[in-house]
Amino acid sequence: MSRIWDISQTLRTGLPVWPGDTEYQANRTWVLEGGCPVNVARVTFSTHSGSHADAPLHYDPQGLAMDEVALDTYIGPCLLLDVRHARGLVEPADIEAQLPAKVERVLLRTYAQFPHQQWHSDFVAIAAATIDLLASRGARLIGIDSPSIDPEQSKTLDAHHAVRRHGMAILEGLVLDDVPAGLYELIAPPLKLSGLDASPVRALLRSIERD
């Protein structure tokens, strides 16, 4: 039987968020007591909370919103690469030896251990040249365990705009600690949020059974 890895963060109170962004909050609006037959909650959070997909609208004013993107991009064969040796930016030289001639989806592990409890501003991002390399091999999606494919202080968003040029999709904030590098099936469709710039995802990797 195939194995499934849940590579998404838990949306919860205290979840680290991008500095200045909306913190996660949850409150019960109805409570299963005193004659009420159900529990119902209200949640407030950023579209970029936890493990999430960026819609093109996030970095392109003419880009597609989250409810308009093609879902098949987020489901299918995927290659997980271990790039914990990278510093600052994942450069082409950090992945080229691990990269096959053709690939559809690529996930990058940069953390030795994912920082669930605290925000770290010095996370590893991705060089635009690395996005170009992945696109040249056929990649339709790039995912990473850090909060963004660009550095926190970037104003030019070079990696995001490289993704825009190549028509790729983005997943950020994945949890890849316990998953060995290799080939998997990715299952990570975003929510159908009308007109919005991103969506949290329940991202899964499923082992590929070989004959």
C-alpha atoms as a PDB file:
ATOM      1  CA  MET A   1       0.000   0.000   0.000  1.00  0.00           C
ATOM      2  CA  SER A   2       1.122   3.547  -0.706  1.00  0.00           C
ATOM      3  CA  ARG A   3       2.146   5.801   2.173  1.00  0.00           C
ATOM      4  CA  ILE A   4       0.858   9.348   2.684  1.00  0.00           C
ATOM      5  CA  TRP A   5       2.825  12.198   4.254  1.00  0.00           C
ATOM      6  CA  ASP A   6       0.932  15.273   5.467  1.00  0.00           C
ATOM      7  CA  ILE A   7       3.293  18.147   4.595  1.00  0.00           C
ATOM      8  CA  SER A   8       1.041  20.995   5.718  1.00  0.00           C
ATOM      9  CA  GLN A   9       1.238  23.144   8.819  1.00  0.00           C
ATOM     10  CA  THR A  10      -1.554  23.018  11.387  1.00  0.00           C
ATOM     11  CA  LEU A  11      -3.614  26.224  11.324  1.00  0.00           C
ATOM     12  CA  ARG A  12      -3.767  27.208  14.986  1.00  0.00           C
ATOM     13  CA  THR A  13      -3.548  29.998  17.511  1.00  0.00           C
ATOM     14  CA  GLY A  14       0.081  31.105  17.741  1.00  0.00           C
ATOM     15  CA  LEU A  15       0.919  30.111  14.151  1.00  0.00           C
ATOM     16  CA  PRO A  16       3.925  32.225  13.048  1.00  0.00           C
ATOM     17  CA  VAL A  17       2.917  34.645  10.280  1.00  0.00           C
ATOM     18  CA  TRP A  18       4.697  37.094   7.995  1.00  0.00           C
ATOM     19  CA  PRO A  19       5.581  40.211  10.043  1.00  0.00           C
ATOM     20  CA  GLY A  20       2.593  42.546  10.012  1.00  0.00           C
ATOM     21  CA  ASP A  21       0.180  40.008   8.485  1.00  0.00           C
ATOM     22  CA  THR A  22      -3.061  38.789  10.088  1.00  0.00           C
ATOM     23  CA  GLU A  23      -2.649  36.370  12.975  1.00  0.00           C
ATOM     24  CA  TYR A  24      -4.755  33.226  13.111  1.00  0.00           C
ATOM     25  CA  GLN A  25      -7.764  33.443  15.428  1.00  0.00           C
ATOM     26  CA  ALA A  26     -10.618  31.000  16.050  1.00  0.00           C
ATOM     27  CA  ASN A  27     -13.740  31.501  18.152  1.00  0.00           C
ATOM     28  CA  ARG A  28     -16.826  29.403  18.815  1.00  0.00           C
ATOM     29  CA  THR A  29     -20.000  31.104  17.594  1.00  0.00           C
ATOM     30  CA  TRP A  30     -22.262  28.227  18.634  1.00  0.00           C
ATOM     31  CA  VAL A  31     -21.425  25.745  21.395  1.00  0.00           C
ATOM     32  CA  LEU A  32     -22.807  22.239  21.868  1.00  0.00           C
ATOM     33  CA  GLU A  33     -24.481  22.857  25.226  1.00  0.00           C
ATOM     34  CA  GLY A  34     -27.581  24.412  26.755  1.00  0.00           C
ATOM     35  CA  GLY A  35     -29.888  23.141  24.051  1.00  0.00           C
ATOM     36  CA  CYS A  36     -27.658  24.027  21.072  1.00  0.00           C
ATOM     37  CA  PRO A  37     -27.190  20.844  18.979  1.00  0.00           C
ATOM     38  CA  VAL A  38     -23.882  21.760  17.273  1.00  0.00           C
ATOM     39  CA  ASN A  39     -20.444  23.330  17.575  1.00  0.00           C
ATOM     40  CA  VAL A  40     -19.684  26.020  14.951  1.00  0.00           C
ATOM     41  CA  ALA A  41     -16.571  28.200  14.828  1.00  0.00           C
ATOM     42  CA  ARG A  42     -15.504  31.432  13.163  1.00  0.00           C
ATOM     43  CA  VAL A  43     -11.889  31.745  11.949  1.00  0.00           C
ATOM     44  CA  THR A  44      -9.827  34.758  10.909  1.00  0.00           C
ATOM     45  CA  PHE A  45      -6.540  34.287   9.100  1.00  0.00           C
ATOM     46  CA  SER A  46      -4.383  35.544   6.240  1.00  0.00           C
ATOM     47  CA  THR A  47      -4.676  33.911   2.836  1.00  0.00           C
ATOM     48  CA  HIS A  48      -0.933  33.201   3.271  1.00  0.00           C
ATOM     49  CA  SER A  49      -1.299  31.397   6.593  1.00  0.00           C
ATOM     50  CA  GLY A  50       0.703  28.220   7.063  1.00  0.00           C
ATOM     51  CA  SER A  51       1.194  26.015   4.014  1.00  0.00           C
ATOM     52  CA  HIS A  52      -0.347  27.897   1.115  1.00  0.00           C
ATOM     53  CA  ALA A  53      -0.571  28.437  -2.626  1.00  0.00           C
ATOM     54  CA  ASP A  54       0.166  31.844  -4.131  1.00  0.00           C
ATOM     55  CA  ALA A  55      -2.220  32.855  -6.912  1.00  0.00           C
ATOM     56  CA  PRO A  56      -0.732  34.892  -9.794  1.00  0.00           C
ATOM     57  CA  LEU A  57      -2.826  37.824  -8.493  1.00  0.00           C
ATOM     58  CA  HIS A  58      -0.519  37.974  -5.472  1.00  0.00           C
ATOM     59  CA  TYR A  59       2.357  39.382  -7.537  1.00  0.00           C
ATOM     60  CA  ASP A  60       0.709  40.374 -10.852  1.00  0.00           C
ATOM     61  CA  PRO A  61      -2.199  42.871 -10.929  1.00  0.00           C
ATOM     62  CA  GLN A  62      -3.503  41.151 -14.075  1.00  0.00           C
ATOM     63  CA  GLY A  63      -2.889  37.641 -12.716  1.00  0.00           C
ATOM     64  CA  LEU A  64      -5.470  34.951 -12.069  1.00  0.00           C
ATOM     65  CA  ALA A  65      -7.185  34.818  -8.695  1.00  0.00           C
ATOM     66  CA  MET A  66      -7.184  31.669  -6.590  1.00  0.00           C
ATOM     67  CA  ASP A  67     -10.569  30.462  -7.855  1.00  0.00           C
ATOM     68  CA  GLU A  68      -9.348  30.732 -11.471  1.00  0.00           C
ATOM     69  CA  VAL A  69      -6.150  28.660 -11.400  1.00  0.00           C
ATOM     70  CA  ALA A  70      -5.884  25.218 -13.008  1.00  0.00           C
ATOM     71  CA  LEU A  71      -6.207  22.559 -10.303  1.00  0.00           C
ATOM     72  CA  ASP A  72      -4.288  19.879 -12.212  1.00  0.00           C
ATOM     73  CA  THR A  73      -1.094  21.846 -11.568  1.00  0.00           C
ATOM     74  CA  TYR A  74      -1.378  20.990  -7.857  1.00  0.00           C
ATOM     75  CA  ILE A  75      -1.956  17.260  -8.342  1.00  0.00           C
ATOM     76  CA  GLY A  76       0.479  14.820  -9.923  1.00  0.00           C
ATOM     77  CA  PRO A  77       4.072  13.529 -10.021  1.00  0.00           C
ATOM     78  CA  CYS A  78       6.480  15.506  -7.880  1.00  0.00           C
ATOM     79  CA  LEU A  79      10.206  15.472  -7.097  1.00  0.00           C
ATOM     80  CA  LEU A  80      11.361  16.397  -3.576  1.00  0.00           C
ATOM     81  CA  LEU A  81      14.945  17.683  -3.426  1.00  0.00           C
ATOM     82  CA  ASP A  82      17.040  18.076  -0.271  1.00  0.00           C
ATOM     83  CA  VAL A  83      18.805  21.464  -0.442  1.00  0.00           C
ATOM     84  CA  ARG A  84      19.621  21.943   3.240  1.00  0.00           C
ATOM     85  CA  HIS A  85      23.148  22.841   2.140  1.00  0.00           C
ATOM     86  CA  ALA A  86      21.918  26.012   0.356  1.00  0.00           C
ATOM     87  CA  ARG A  87      22.650  29.379   1.949  1.00  0.00           C
ATOM     88  CA  GLY A  88      20.608  32.518   1.349  1.00  0.00           C
ATOM     89  CA  LEU A  89      19.225  31.482  -2.028  1.00  0.00           C
ATOM     90  CA  VAL A  90      18.839  28.093  -3.688  1.00  0.00           C
ATOM     91  CA  GLU A  91      21.044  28.558  -6.751  1.00  0.00           C
ATOM     92  CA  PRO A  92      21.043  26.369  -9.891  1.00  0.00           C
ATOM     93  CA  ALA A  93      24.259  24.703  -8.724  1.00  0.00           C
ATOM     94  CA  ASP A  94      22.451  23.551  -5.558  1.00  0.00           C
ATOM     95  CA  ILE A  95      19.965  21.401  -7.494  1.00  0.00           C
ATOM     96  CA  GLU A  96      21.364  20.713 -10.973  1.00  0.00           C
ATOM     97  CA  ALA A  97      23.022  17.398 -10.069  1.00  0.00           C
ATOM     98  CA  GLN A  98      19.746  16.124  -8.529  1.00  0.00           C
ATOM     99  CA  LEU A  99      17.488  17.316 -11.338  1.00  0.00           C
ATOM    100  CA  PRO A 100      16.330  14.950 -14.100  1.00  0.00           C
ATOM    101  CA  ALA A 101      15.951  16.016 -17.720  1.00  0.00           C
ATOM    102  CA  LYS A 102      12.182  16.318 -17.319  1.00  0.00           C
ATOM    103  CA  VAL A 103      10.176  17.182 -14.216  1.00  0.00           C
ATOM    104  CA  GLU A 104       6.660  18.531 -13.628  1.00  0.00           C
ATOM    105  CA  ARG A 105       6.654  19.596  -9.983  1.00  0.00           C
ATOM    106  CA  VAL A 106       9.567  20.258  -7.622  1.00  0.00           C
ATOM    107  CA  LEU A 107       9.602  20.722  -3.837  1.00  0.00           C
ATOM    108  CA  LEU A 108      12.675  22.019  -2.017  1.00  0.00           C
ATOM    109  CA  ARG A 109      13.575  21.145   1.564  1.00  0.00           C
ATOM    110  CA  THR A 110      15.730  23.878   3.116  1.00  0.00           C
ATOM    111  CA  TYR A 111      15.151  23.415   6.866  1.00  0.00           C
ATOM    112  CA  ALA A 112      16.920  20.859   9.034  1.00  0.00           C
ATOM    113  CA  GLN A 113      13.855  21.198  11.277  1.00  0.00           C
ATOM    114  CA  PHE A 114      10.793  23.259  10.450  1.00  0.00           C
ATOM    115  CA  PRO A 115      10.314  26.238  12.853  1.00  0.00           C
ATOM    116  CA  HIS A 116       6.745  25.650  14.011  1.00  0.00           C
ATOM    117  CA  GLN A 117       6.896  27.938  17.043  1.00  0.00           C
ATOM    118  CA  GLN A 118       8.751  31.046  15.879  1.00  0.00           C
ATOM    119  CA  TRP A 119       9.150  33.250  12.806  1.00  0.00           C
ATOM    120  CA  HIS A 120      12.677  33.335  11.332  1.00  0.00           C
ATOM    121  CA  SER A 121      13.431  36.173   8.916  1.00  0.00           C
ATOM    122  CA  ASP A 122      16.638  34.617   7.541  1.00  0.00           C
ATOM    123  CA  PHE A 123      14.905  31.774   5.676  1.00  0.00           C
ATOM    124  CA  VAL A 124      16.355  30.356   2.456  1.00  0.00           C
ATOM    125  CA  ALA A 125      14.626  31.611  -0.706  1.00  0.00           C
ATOM    126  CA  ILE A 126      15.095  30.758  -4.396  1.00  0.00           C
ATOM    127  CA  ALA A 127      17.182  32.502  -7.058  1.00  0.00           C
ATOM    128  CA  ALA A 128      15.326  33.544 -10.203  1.00  0.00           C
ATOM    129  CA  ALA A 129      17.901  31.604 -12.231  1.00  0.00           C
ATOM    130  CA  THR A 130      16.827  28.437 -10.398  1.00  0.00           C
ATOM    131  CA  ILE A 131      13.214  29.047 -11.420  1.00  0.00           C
ATOM    132  CA  ASP A 132      14.444  29.455 -15.024  1.00  0.00           C
ATOM    133  CA  LEU A 133      16.328  26.157 -14.782  1.00  0.00           C
ATOM    134  CA  LEU A 134      13.286  24.313 -13.430  1.00  0.00           C
ATOM    135  CA  ALA A 135      11.093  25.774 -16.169  1.00  0.00           C
ATOM    136  CA  SER A 136      13.593  24.620 -18.793  1.00  0.00           C
ATOM    137  CA  ARG A 137      13.079  21.063 -17.500  1.00  0.00           C
ATOM    138  CA  GLY A 138       9.292  21.353 -17.784  1.00  0.00           C
ATOM    139  CA  ALA A 139       8.379  22.300 -14.206  1.00  0.00           C
ATOM    140  CA  ARG A 140       4.836  23.618 -13.735  1.00  0.00           C
ATOM    141  CA  LEU A 141       5.025  24.061  -9.954  1.00  0.00           C
ATOM    142  CA  ILE A 142       7.690  25.000  -7.413  1.00  0.00           C
ATOM    143  CA  GLY A 143       7.210  24.404  -3.695  1.00  0.00           C
ATOM    144  CA  ILE A 144       9.368  25.180  -0.684  1.00  0.00           C
ATOM    145  CA  ASP A 145       9.272  24.748   3.083  1.00  0.00           C
ATOM    146  CA  SER A 146      10.265  28.357   3.810  1.00  0.00           C
ATOM    147  CA  PRO A 147       7.587  31.109   3.961  1.00  0.00           C
ATOM    148  CA  SER A 148       8.376  32.550   0.530  1.00  0.00           C
ATOM    149  CA  ILE A 149      10.346  31.841  -2.617  1.00  0.00           C
ATOM    150  CA  ASP A 150      11.765  35.390  -2.262  1.00  0.00           C
ATOM    151  CA  PRO A 151      13.661  36.820   0.736  1.00  0.00           C
ATOM    152  CA  GLU A 152      11.633  38.636   3.395  1.00  0.00           C
ATOM    153  CA  GLN A 153      13.091  42.052   2.545  1.00  0.00           C
ATOM    154  CA  SER A 154      12.830  41.715  -1.244  1.00  0.00           C
ATOM    155  CA  LYS A 155      10.920  44.495  -3.018  1.00  0.00           C
ATOM    156  CA  THR A 156      11.539  43.196  -6.552  1.00  0.00           C
ATOM    157  CA  LEU A 157      10.264  39.619  -5.982  1.00  0.00           C
ATOM    158  CA  ASP A 158      12.613  38.224  -8.619  1.00  0.00           C
ATOM    159  CA  ALA A 159      11.628  34.580  -8.037  1.00  0.00           C
ATOM    160  CA  HIS A 160       7.899  35.327  -8.092  1.00  0.00           C
ATOM    161  CA  HIS A 161       8.252  37.207 -11.375  1.00  0.00           C
ATOM    162  CA  ALA A 162      10.332  34.393 -12.853  1.00  0.00           C
ATOM    163  CA  VAL A 163       7.430  32.102 -11.966  1.00  0.00           C
ATOM    164  CA  ARG A 164       5.068  34.571 -13.659  1.00  0.00           C
ATOM    165  CA  ARG A 165       7.138  34.561 -16.851  1.00  0.00           C
ATOM    166  CA  HIS A 166       7.021  30.770 -17.034  1.00  0.00           C
ATOM    167  CA  GLY A 167       3.380  30.338 -15.991  1.00  0.00           C
ATOM    168  CA  MET A 168       4.258  28.198 -12.981  1.00  0.00           C
ATOM    169  CA  ALA A 169       2.457  27.723  -9.660  1.00  0.00           C
ATOM    170  CA  ILE A 170       3.829  28.268  -6.148  1.00  0.00           C
ATOM    171  CA  LEU A 171       3.486  26.422  -2.831  1.00  0.00           C
ATOM    172  CA  GLU A 172       5.141  27.871   0.280  1.00  0.00           C
ATOM    173  CA  GLY A 173       5.438  26.951   3.951  1.00  0.00           C
ATOM    174  CA  LEU A 174       5.452  23.176   3.464  1.00  0.00           C
ATOM    175  CA  VAL A 175       6.660  20.829   6.215  1.00  0.00           C
ATOM    176  CA  LEU A 176       9.158  18.390   4.701  1.00  0.00           C
ATOM    177  CA  ASP A 177      11.140  17.275   7.779  1.00  0.00           C
ATOM    178  CA  ASP A 178      10.230  13.588   7.752  1.00  0.00           C
ATOM    179  CA  VAL A 179      10.010  12.962   4.008  1.00  0.00           C
ATOM    180  CA  PRO A 180      13.005  11.429   2.200  1.00  0.00           C
ATOM    181  CA  ALA A 181      14.078  13.059  -1.050  1.00  0.00           C
ATOM    182  CA  GLY A 182      12.622  11.338  -4.090  1.00  0.00           C
ATOM    183  CA  LEU A 183       9.591  10.944  -6.325  1.00  0.00           C
ATOM    184  CA  TYR A 184       6.017  11.249  -5.019  1.00  0.00           C
ATOM    185  CA  GLU A 185       2.505  12.151  -6.025  1.00  0.00           C
ATOM    186  CA  LEU A 186       1.591  15.658  -4.832  1.00  0.00           C
ATOM    187  CA  ILE A 187      -1.991  16.432  -3.795  1.00  0.00           C
ATOM    188  CA  ALA A 188      -2.359  20.079  -2.738  1.00  0.00           C
ATOM    189  CA  PRO A 189      -5.301  21.898  -4.354  1.00  0.00           C
ATOM    190  CA  PRO A 190      -6.088  25.377  -2.992  1.00  0.00           C
ATOM    191  CA  LEU A 191      -9.473  26.487  -1.730  1.00  0.00           C
ATOM    192  CA  LYS A 192     -11.808  28.061  -4.302  1.00  0.00           C
ATOM    193  CA  LEU A 193     -11.518  31.606  -2.906  1.00  0.00           C
ATOM    194  CA  SER A 194     -13.166  34.088  -5.246  1.00  0.00           C
ATOM    195  CA  GLY A 195     -10.944  36.984  -6.312  1.00  0.00           C
ATOM    196  CA  LEU A 196      -8.248  36.319  -3.709  1.00  0.00           C
ATOM    197  CA  ASP A 197      -4.455  36.225  -3.919  1.00  0.00           C
ATOM    198  CA  ALA A 198      -3.637  32.968  -2.100  1.00  0.00           C
ATOM    199  CA  SER A 199      -5.103  30.048  -0.179  1.00  0.00           C
ATOM    200  CA  PRO A 200      -4.043  27.712   2.606  1.00  0.00           C
ATOM    201  CA  VAL A 201      -3.687  24.118   1.400  1.00  0.00           C
ATOM    202  CA  ARG A 202      -3.804  20.657   2.987  1.00  0.00           C
ATOM    203  CA  ALA A 203      -0.723  19.412   1.143  1.00  0.00           C
ATOM    204  CA  LEU A 204      -0.056  15.679   0.888  1.00  0.00           C
ATOM    205  CA  LEU A 205       2.637  13.525  -0.656  1.00  0.00           C
ATOM    206  CA  ARG A 206       1.824   9.934  -1.597  1.00  0.00           C
ATOM    207  CA  SER A 207       4.486   7.354  -2.291  1.00  0.00           C
ATOM    208  CA  ILE A 208       4.580   6.066  -5.862  1.00  0.00           C
ATOM    209  CA  GLU A 209       4.220   2.297  -6.052  1.00  0.00           C
ATOM    210  CA  ARG A 210       6.620   0.656  -8.478  1.00  0.00           C
ATOM    211  CA  ASP A 211       5.902  -2.585 -10.372  1.00  0.00           C
END
